[in-house]
Amino acid sequence: MQRIILYLKILYRRSDRFFHLLVGMPSYDKYLEHFRKNHPDKIPKTQREFFKEAMEAKYGAGRNKC
């Protein structure tokens, strides 16, 4: 039973990353992996800050797009 739960968790994480890429949103998990590996002395953004910045980069902050 433990193996099934572990497998489902791994499958969920992978599918989560896939769907984020599919709709053009970066993965917070990937960001944390990169950040811990390359910037261990700094504090990473919160998930909320990360996605807010990603949305602003994608759609533009303060600009109307019609």
N, C-alpha and C. Protein backbone atom coordinates (compact mmCIF):
# COMPACT_ATOMS: atom_id res chain seq x y z
N MET A 1 0.82 -1.19 0.00
CA MET A 1 0.00 0.00 0.00
C MET A 1 0.87 1.26 0.00
N GLN A 2 1.96 1.23 0.75
CA GLN A 2 2.87 2.37 0.80
C GLN A 2 3.46 2.68 -0.56
N ARG A 3 3.78 1.63 -1.33
CA ARG A 3 4.36 1.82 -2.66
C ARG A 3 3.36 2.49 -3.60
N ILE A 4 2.10 2.14 -3.46
CA ILE A 4 1.07 2.75 -4.31
C ILE A 4 0.93 4.23 -3.99
N ILE A 5 0.93 4.57 -2.71
CA ILE A 5 0.82 5.97 -2.30
C ILE A 5 2.03 6.76 -2.80
N LEU A 6 3.21 6.20 -2.66
CA LEU A 6 4.42 6.85 -3.14
C LEU A 6 4.37 7.06 -4.65
N TYR A 7 3.94 6.04 -5.37
CA TYR A 7 3.81 6.14 -6.83
C TYR A 7 2.82 7.23 -7.21
N LEU A 8 1.70 7.31 -6.54
CA LEU A 8 0.69 8.33 -6.84
C LEU A 8 1.21 9.73 -6.56
N LYS A 9 1.99 9.90 -5.49
CA LYS A 9 2.58 11.20 -5.20
C LYS A 9 3.54 11.63 -6.30
N ILE A 10 4.38 10.70 -6.74
CA ILE A 10 5.33 11.01 -7.81
C ILE A 10 4.59 11.34 -9.09
N LEU A 11 3.57 10.57 -9.41
CA LEU A 11 2.78 10.81 -10.61
C LEU A 11 2.11 12.18 -10.55
N TYR A 12 1.59 12.55 -9.39
CA TYR A 12 0.94 13.85 -9.24
C TYR A 12 1.95 14.99 -9.45
N ARG A 13 3.12 14.87 -8.85
CA ARG A 13 4.13 15.92 -9.02
C ARG A 13 4.53 16.09 -10.47
N ARG A 14 4.71 14.99 -11.15
CA ARG A 14 5.08 15.07 -12.57
C ARG A 14 3.96 15.65 -13.41
N SER A 15 2.74 15.24 -13.15
CA SER A 15 1.62 15.77 -13.94
C SER A 15 1.41 17.25 -13.64
N ASP A 16 1.64 17.65 -12.41
CA ASP A 16 1.51 19.07 -12.04
C ASP A 16 2.48 19.91 -12.85
N ARG A 17 3.71 19.46 -12.95
CA ARG A 17 4.71 20.17 -13.75
C ARG A 17 4.31 20.20 -15.22
N PHE A 18 3.81 19.08 -15.73
CA PHE A 18 3.39 19.00 -17.12
C PHE A 18 2.29 20.00 -17.42
N PHE A 19 1.27 20.05 -16.57
CA PHE A 19 0.15 20.95 -16.82
C PHE A 19 0.55 22.41 -16.69
N HIS A 20 1.46 22.71 -15.78
CA HIS A 20 1.95 24.09 -15.70
C HIS A 20 2.66 24.48 -16.99
N LEU A 21 3.48 23.58 -17.51
CA LEU A 21 4.17 23.87 -18.77
C LEU A 21 3.18 23.97 -19.93
N LEU A 22 2.15 23.16 -19.89
CA LEU A 22 1.16 23.14 -20.95
C LEU A 22 0.45 24.49 -21.08
N VAL A 23 0.15 25.12 -19.95
CA VAL A 23 -0.54 26.41 -19.99
C VAL A 23 0.44 27.58 -19.88
N GLY A 24 1.72 27.29 -19.86
CA GLY A 24 2.71 28.35 -19.87
C GLY A 24 3.05 28.94 -18.51
N MET A 25 2.78 28.21 -17.45
CA MET A 25 3.12 28.67 -16.11
C MET A 25 4.34 27.91 -15.61
N PRO A 26 5.31 28.60 -15.05
CA PRO A 26 6.48 27.92 -14.52
C PRO A 26 6.12 27.12 -13.26
N SER A 27 6.93 26.14 -12.95
CA SER A 27 6.69 25.27 -11.80
C SER A 27 7.40 25.82 -10.57
N TYR A 28 6.66 25.98 -9.49
CA TYR A 28 7.24 26.46 -8.24
C TYR A 28 8.21 25.43 -7.68
N ASP A 29 7.89 24.14 -7.82
CA ASP A 29 8.79 23.09 -7.35
C ASP A 29 10.14 23.15 -8.07
N LYS A 30 10.09 23.35 -9.39
CA LYS A 30 11.33 23.46 -10.15
C LYS A 30 12.12 24.69 -9.72
N TYR A 31 11.40 25.77 -9.47
CA TYR A 31 12.05 27.01 -9.00
C TYR A 31 12.76 26.74 -7.68
N LEU A 32 12.09 26.06 -6.75
CA LEU A 32 12.71 25.78 -5.45
C LEU A 32 13.93 24.88 -5.60
N GLU A 33 13.83 23.86 -6.47
CA GLU A 33 14.99 22.99 -6.71
C GLU A 33 16.18 23.80 -7.22
N HIS A 34 15.93 24.64 -8.21
CA HIS A 34 16.98 25.49 -8.78
C HIS A 34 17.53 26.43 -7.71
N PHE A 35 16.64 27.04 -6.96
CA PHE A 35 17.05 28.04 -5.98
C PHE A 35 17.92 27.42 -4.89
N ARG A 36 17.51 26.27 -4.39
CA ARG A 36 18.30 25.61 -3.33
C ARG A 36 19.67 25.17 -3.84
N LYS A 37 19.70 24.75 -5.09
CA LYS A 37 20.96 24.27 -5.67
C LYS A 37 21.91 25.43 -5.98
N ASN A 38 21.38 26.53 -6.51
CA ASN A 38 22.22 27.61 -6.99
C ASN A 38 22.32 28.84 -6.08
N HIS A 39 21.41 28.96 -5.14
CA HIS A 39 21.39 30.14 -4.26
C HIS A 39 21.11 29.72 -2.81
N PRO A 40 21.92 28.83 -2.24
CA PRO A 40 21.61 28.31 -0.90
C PRO A 40 21.67 29.36 0.21
N ASP A 41 22.33 30.46 -0.04
CA ASP A 41 22.48 31.49 0.98
C ASP A 41 21.34 32.50 0.98
N LYS A 42 20.42 32.39 0.03
CA LYS A 42 19.33 33.36 -0.09
C LYS A 42 18.00 32.72 0.25
N ILE A 43 17.01 33.56 0.52
CA ILE A 43 15.66 33.09 0.84
C ILE A 43 14.82 33.12 -0.44
N PRO A 44 14.18 31.99 -0.80
CA PRO A 44 13.37 31.97 -2.02
C PRO A 44 12.06 32.73 -1.84
N LYS A 45 11.45 33.09 -2.97
CA LYS A 45 10.15 33.75 -2.94
C LYS A 45 9.11 32.78 -2.42
N THR A 46 8.06 33.33 -1.86
CA THR A 46 6.94 32.47 -1.47
C THR A 46 6.22 32.03 -2.74
N GLN A 47 5.39 31.02 -2.62
CA GLN A 47 4.65 30.54 -3.78
C GLN A 47 3.76 31.65 -4.34
N ARG A 48 3.18 32.42 -3.48
CA ARG A 48 2.32 33.52 -3.91
C ARG A 48 3.12 34.57 -4.69
N GLU A 49 4.29 34.95 -4.16
CA GLU A 49 5.15 35.92 -4.85
C GLU A 49 5.62 35.38 -6.20
N PHE A 50 5.97 34.11 -6.22
CA PHE A 50 6.46 33.49 -7.44
C PHE A 50 5.40 33.54 -8.55
N PHE A 51 4.18 33.13 -8.25
CA PHE A 51 3.14 33.10 -9.27
C PHE A 51 2.67 34.51 -9.64
N LYS A 52 2.69 35.42 -8.69
CA LYS A 52 2.32 36.80 -9.01
C LYS A 52 3.30 37.37 -10.02
N GLU A 53 4.58 37.15 -9.78
CA GLU A 53 5.61 37.63 -10.70
C GLU A 53 5.49 36.95 -12.07
N ALA A 54 5.19 35.66 -12.07
CA ALA A 54 5.05 34.94 -13.33
C ALA A 54 3.85 35.47 -14.13
N MET A 55 2.75 35.77 -13.46
CA MET A 55 1.58 36.32 -14.14
C MET A 55 1.86 37.71 -14.69
N GLU A 56 2.58 38.52 -13.92
CA GLU A 56 2.93 39.86 -14.38
C GLU A 56 3.87 39.79 -15.59
N ALA A 57 4.80 38.84 -15.57
CA ALA A 57 5.71 38.69 -16.69
C ALA A 57 4.97 38.21 -17.94
N LYS A 58 3.99 37.34 -17.73
CA LYS A 58 3.28 36.78 -18.88
C LYS A 58 2.26 37.76 -19.45
N TYR A 59 1.50 38.40 -18.59
CA TYR A 59 0.40 39.25 -19.06
C TYR A 59 0.67 40.74 -18.93
N GLY A 60 1.76 41.11 -18.28
CA GLY A 60 2.11 42.52 -18.15
C GLY A 60 1.41 43.15 -16.95
N ALA A 61 2.20 43.80 -16.13
CA ALA A 61 1.64 44.47 -14.94
C ALA A 61 1.20 45.86 -15.32
N GLY A 62 -0.05 46.19 -15.05
CA GLY A 62 -0.56 47.53 -15.27
C GLY A 62 -0.85 47.88 -16.71
N ARG A 63 -0.82 46.88 -17.59
CA ARG A 63 -1.13 47.15 -18.99
C ARG A 63 -2.44 46.47 -19.36
N ASN A 64 -3.20 47.12 -20.18
CA ASN A 64 -4.43 46.52 -20.70
C ASN A 64 -4.11 45.81 -22.00
N LYS A 65 -4.57 44.61 -22.12
CA LYS A 65 -4.37 43.86 -23.37
C LYS A 65 -5.74 43.45 -23.89
N CYS A 66 -6.14 44.09 -24.95
CA CYS A 66 -7.42 43.74 -25.56
C CYS A 66 -7.21 43.25 -26.97
